[in-house]
N, C-alpha and C. Protein backbone atom coordinates (compact mmCIF):
# COMPACT_ATOMS: atom_id res chain seq x y z
N MET A 1 -66.99 28.61 -87.41
CA MET A 1 -68.32 28.11 -87.10
C MET A 1 -68.18 26.82 -86.29
N ASP A 2 -68.97 26.72 -85.25
CA ASP A 2 -69.00 25.50 -84.45
C ASP A 2 -69.70 24.39 -85.23
N LYS A 3 -69.30 23.17 -84.96
CA LYS A 3 -69.91 22.03 -85.62
C LYS A 3 -71.37 21.93 -85.19
N PRO A 4 -72.29 21.72 -86.12
CA PRO A 4 -73.71 21.63 -85.76
C PRO A 4 -73.97 20.47 -84.78
N THR A 5 -74.95 20.68 -83.94
CA THR A 5 -75.31 19.68 -82.94
C THR A 5 -75.68 18.35 -83.58
N THR A 6 -76.35 18.38 -84.71
CA THR A 6 -76.73 17.13 -85.37
C THR A 6 -75.51 16.31 -85.76
N MET A 7 -74.46 16.98 -86.20
CA MET A 7 -73.23 16.27 -86.57
C MET A 7 -72.53 15.74 -85.33
N ARG A 8 -72.46 16.56 -84.29
CA ARG A 8 -71.81 16.12 -83.05
C ARG A 8 -72.58 14.95 -82.45
N HIS A 9 -73.90 14.99 -82.53
CA HIS A 9 -74.75 13.91 -82.01
C HIS A 9 -74.43 12.59 -82.71
N ARG A 10 -74.41 12.62 -84.03
CA ARG A 10 -74.16 11.39 -84.78
C ARG A 10 -72.74 10.87 -84.53
N GLU A 11 -71.77 11.76 -84.49
CA GLU A 11 -70.40 11.35 -84.24
C GLU A 11 -70.25 10.74 -82.84
N PHE A 12 -70.91 11.34 -81.86
CA PHE A 12 -70.85 10.81 -80.50
C PHE A 12 -71.48 9.42 -80.44
N LYS A 13 -72.64 9.28 -81.06
CA LYS A 13 -73.34 8.00 -81.05
C LYS A 13 -72.49 6.92 -81.71
N THR A 14 -71.91 7.24 -82.84
CA THR A 14 -71.05 6.30 -83.55
C THR A 14 -69.84 5.92 -82.70
N TYR A 15 -69.22 6.93 -82.06
CA TYR A 15 -68.06 6.68 -81.22
C TYR A 15 -68.43 5.80 -80.03
N LEU A 16 -69.55 6.10 -79.38
CA LEU A 16 -69.97 5.34 -78.21
C LEU A 16 -70.25 3.88 -78.57
N ILE A 17 -70.96 3.67 -79.65
CA ILE A 17 -71.27 2.30 -80.08
C ILE A 17 -69.98 1.56 -80.42
N SER A 18 -69.08 2.23 -81.10
CA SER A 18 -67.80 1.61 -81.44
C SER A 18 -67.01 1.27 -80.17
N LEU A 19 -67.00 2.18 -79.23
CA LEU A 19 -66.29 1.94 -77.96
C LEU A 19 -66.87 0.73 -77.23
N ILE A 20 -68.17 0.63 -77.19
CA ILE A 20 -68.83 -0.50 -76.53
C ILE A 20 -68.47 -1.81 -77.26
N ASN A 21 -68.60 -1.79 -78.58
CA ASN A 21 -68.34 -3.00 -79.35
C ASN A 21 -66.88 -3.45 -79.27
N GLU A 22 -65.97 -2.49 -79.23
CA GLU A 22 -64.55 -2.81 -79.21
C GLU A 22 -64.01 -3.06 -77.81
N SER A 23 -64.82 -2.83 -76.79
CA SER A 23 -64.33 -2.99 -75.42
C SER A 23 -64.02 -4.44 -75.09
N GLY A 24 -64.72 -5.35 -75.73
CA GLY A 24 -64.53 -6.76 -75.43
C GLY A 24 -65.15 -7.19 -74.12
N LEU A 25 -65.87 -6.28 -73.49
CA LEU A 25 -66.51 -6.59 -72.21
C LEU A 25 -67.88 -7.22 -72.45
N PRO A 26 -68.25 -8.18 -71.61
CA PRO A 26 -69.57 -8.79 -71.76
C PRO A 26 -70.67 -7.83 -71.30
N ALA A 27 -71.86 -8.11 -71.78
CA ALA A 27 -73.01 -7.24 -71.47
C ALA A 27 -73.24 -7.09 -69.98
N PHE A 28 -73.03 -8.15 -69.20
CA PHE A 28 -73.31 -8.05 -67.76
C PHE A 28 -72.37 -7.07 -67.07
N VAL A 29 -71.25 -6.76 -67.69
CA VAL A 29 -70.34 -5.74 -67.15
C VAL A 29 -70.74 -4.36 -67.67
N LEU A 30 -71.14 -4.30 -68.92
CA LEU A 30 -71.46 -3.02 -69.55
C LEU A 30 -72.78 -2.42 -69.06
N VAL A 31 -73.78 -3.27 -68.82
CA VAL A 31 -75.10 -2.76 -68.44
C VAL A 31 -75.04 -1.90 -67.17
N PRO A 32 -74.41 -2.34 -66.09
CA PRO A 32 -74.36 -1.47 -64.90
C PRO A 32 -73.59 -0.16 -65.15
N VAL A 33 -72.57 -0.23 -65.98
CA VAL A 33 -71.81 0.98 -66.30
C VAL A 33 -72.71 1.95 -67.06
N MET A 34 -73.45 1.45 -68.03
CA MET A 34 -74.34 2.30 -68.81
C MET A 34 -75.48 2.85 -67.96
N GLU A 35 -75.99 2.03 -67.04
CA GLU A 35 -77.06 2.49 -66.14
C GLU A 35 -76.55 3.63 -65.26
N GLN A 36 -75.33 3.50 -64.75
CA GLN A 36 -74.75 4.56 -63.92
C GLN A 36 -74.54 5.83 -64.73
N ALA A 37 -74.03 5.65 -65.96
CA ALA A 37 -73.82 6.81 -66.83
C ALA A 37 -75.14 7.51 -67.12
N LEU A 38 -76.19 6.74 -67.39
CA LEU A 38 -77.51 7.31 -67.66
C LEU A 38 -78.05 8.06 -66.44
N SER A 39 -77.86 7.49 -65.27
CA SER A 39 -78.30 8.13 -64.04
C SER A 39 -77.59 9.48 -63.85
N GLU A 40 -76.30 9.49 -64.09
CA GLU A 40 -75.54 10.73 -63.96
C GLU A 40 -75.96 11.76 -65.01
N LEU A 41 -76.23 11.30 -66.23
CA LEU A 41 -76.69 12.20 -67.28
C LEU A 41 -78.05 12.82 -66.95
N LYS A 42 -78.92 12.02 -66.37
CA LYS A 42 -80.23 12.53 -65.98
C LYS A 42 -80.10 13.61 -64.91
N ALA A 43 -79.18 13.43 -63.98
CA ALA A 43 -78.95 14.43 -62.94
C ALA A 43 -78.41 15.72 -63.57
N ILE A 44 -77.49 15.58 -64.52
CA ILE A 44 -76.93 16.74 -65.21
C ILE A 44 -78.02 17.45 -66.01
N GLU A 45 -78.86 16.67 -66.67
CA GLU A 45 -79.96 17.24 -67.45
C GLU A 45 -80.90 18.05 -66.56
N GLU A 46 -81.24 17.50 -65.41
CA GLU A 46 -82.15 18.20 -64.48
C GLU A 46 -81.51 19.48 -63.97
N GLN A 47 -80.23 19.42 -63.64
CA GLN A 47 -79.52 20.61 -63.16
C GLN A 47 -79.50 21.69 -64.25
N GLN A 48 -79.24 21.27 -65.49
CA GLN A 48 -79.22 22.23 -66.59
C GLN A 48 -80.59 22.86 -66.79
N TYR A 49 -81.64 22.05 -66.68
CA TYR A 49 -83.00 22.57 -66.81
C TYR A 49 -83.27 23.63 -65.74
N LEU A 50 -82.91 23.32 -64.50
CA LEU A 50 -83.16 24.25 -63.41
C LEU A 50 -82.38 25.55 -63.60
N GLU A 51 -81.14 25.44 -64.08
CA GLU A 51 -80.35 26.65 -64.35
C GLU A 51 -80.95 27.45 -65.49
N ASP A 52 -81.35 26.77 -66.57
CA ASP A 52 -81.97 27.47 -67.70
C ASP A 52 -83.26 28.14 -67.30
N LYS A 53 -84.06 27.45 -66.49
CA LYS A 53 -85.33 28.01 -66.04
C LYS A 53 -85.10 29.25 -65.18
N ALA A 54 -84.15 29.17 -64.27
CA ALA A 54 -83.85 30.31 -63.41
C ALA A 54 -83.36 31.50 -64.24
N ASN A 55 -82.49 31.23 -65.21
CA ASN A 55 -82.00 32.30 -66.08
C ASN A 55 -83.11 32.91 -66.91
N TYR A 56 -83.97 32.06 -67.44
CA TYR A 56 -85.08 32.53 -68.26
C TYR A 56 -86.02 33.40 -67.43
N GLU A 57 -86.35 32.94 -66.24
CA GLU A 57 -87.25 33.70 -65.39
C GLU A 57 -86.62 35.01 -64.95
N ALA A 58 -85.32 35.00 -64.68
CA ALA A 58 -84.63 36.23 -64.30
C ALA A 58 -84.63 37.23 -65.45
N GLU A 59 -84.40 36.75 -66.66
CA GLU A 59 -84.42 37.62 -67.83
C GLU A 59 -85.81 38.17 -68.08
N GLY A 60 -86.83 37.34 -67.88
CA GLY A 60 -88.20 37.77 -68.09
C GLY A 60 -88.60 38.86 -67.13
N LYS A 61 -88.17 38.73 -65.87
CA LYS A 61 -88.48 39.73 -64.87
C LYS A 61 -87.73 41.03 -65.15
N GLU A 62 -86.50 40.90 -65.65
CA GLU A 62 -85.72 42.10 -65.98
C GLU A 62 -86.33 42.85 -67.15
N ASP A 63 -86.90 42.10 -68.12
CA ASP A 63 -87.51 42.72 -69.29
C ASP A 63 -88.93 43.21 -69.02
N GLY A 64 -89.44 42.92 -67.84
CA GLY A 64 -90.80 43.30 -67.49
C GLY A 64 -91.84 42.43 -68.14
N LYS A 65 -91.45 41.24 -68.56
CA LYS A 65 -92.38 40.32 -69.20
C LYS A 65 -93.05 39.45 -68.16
N ASP A 66 -94.25 39.05 -68.49
CA ASP A 66 -94.97 38.09 -67.67
C ASP A 66 -94.57 36.69 -68.11
N ILE A 67 -94.22 35.85 -67.17
CA ILE A 67 -93.80 34.49 -67.53
C ILE A 67 -94.86 33.52 -67.10
């Protein structure tokens, strides 16, 4: 069985916070890095949405369903 998403989410969050705290880097260095990471994540999220939407619509048309 794969680890549940809720567990992976909490572990990732804990790891990320620990990594930030242990980096020893000041906030003025970390903020731009985090902003860039967030920007990249948003682009990935949008791409995933578009792929999911295209797949969903393709499946709906194949099943003869109205979407």
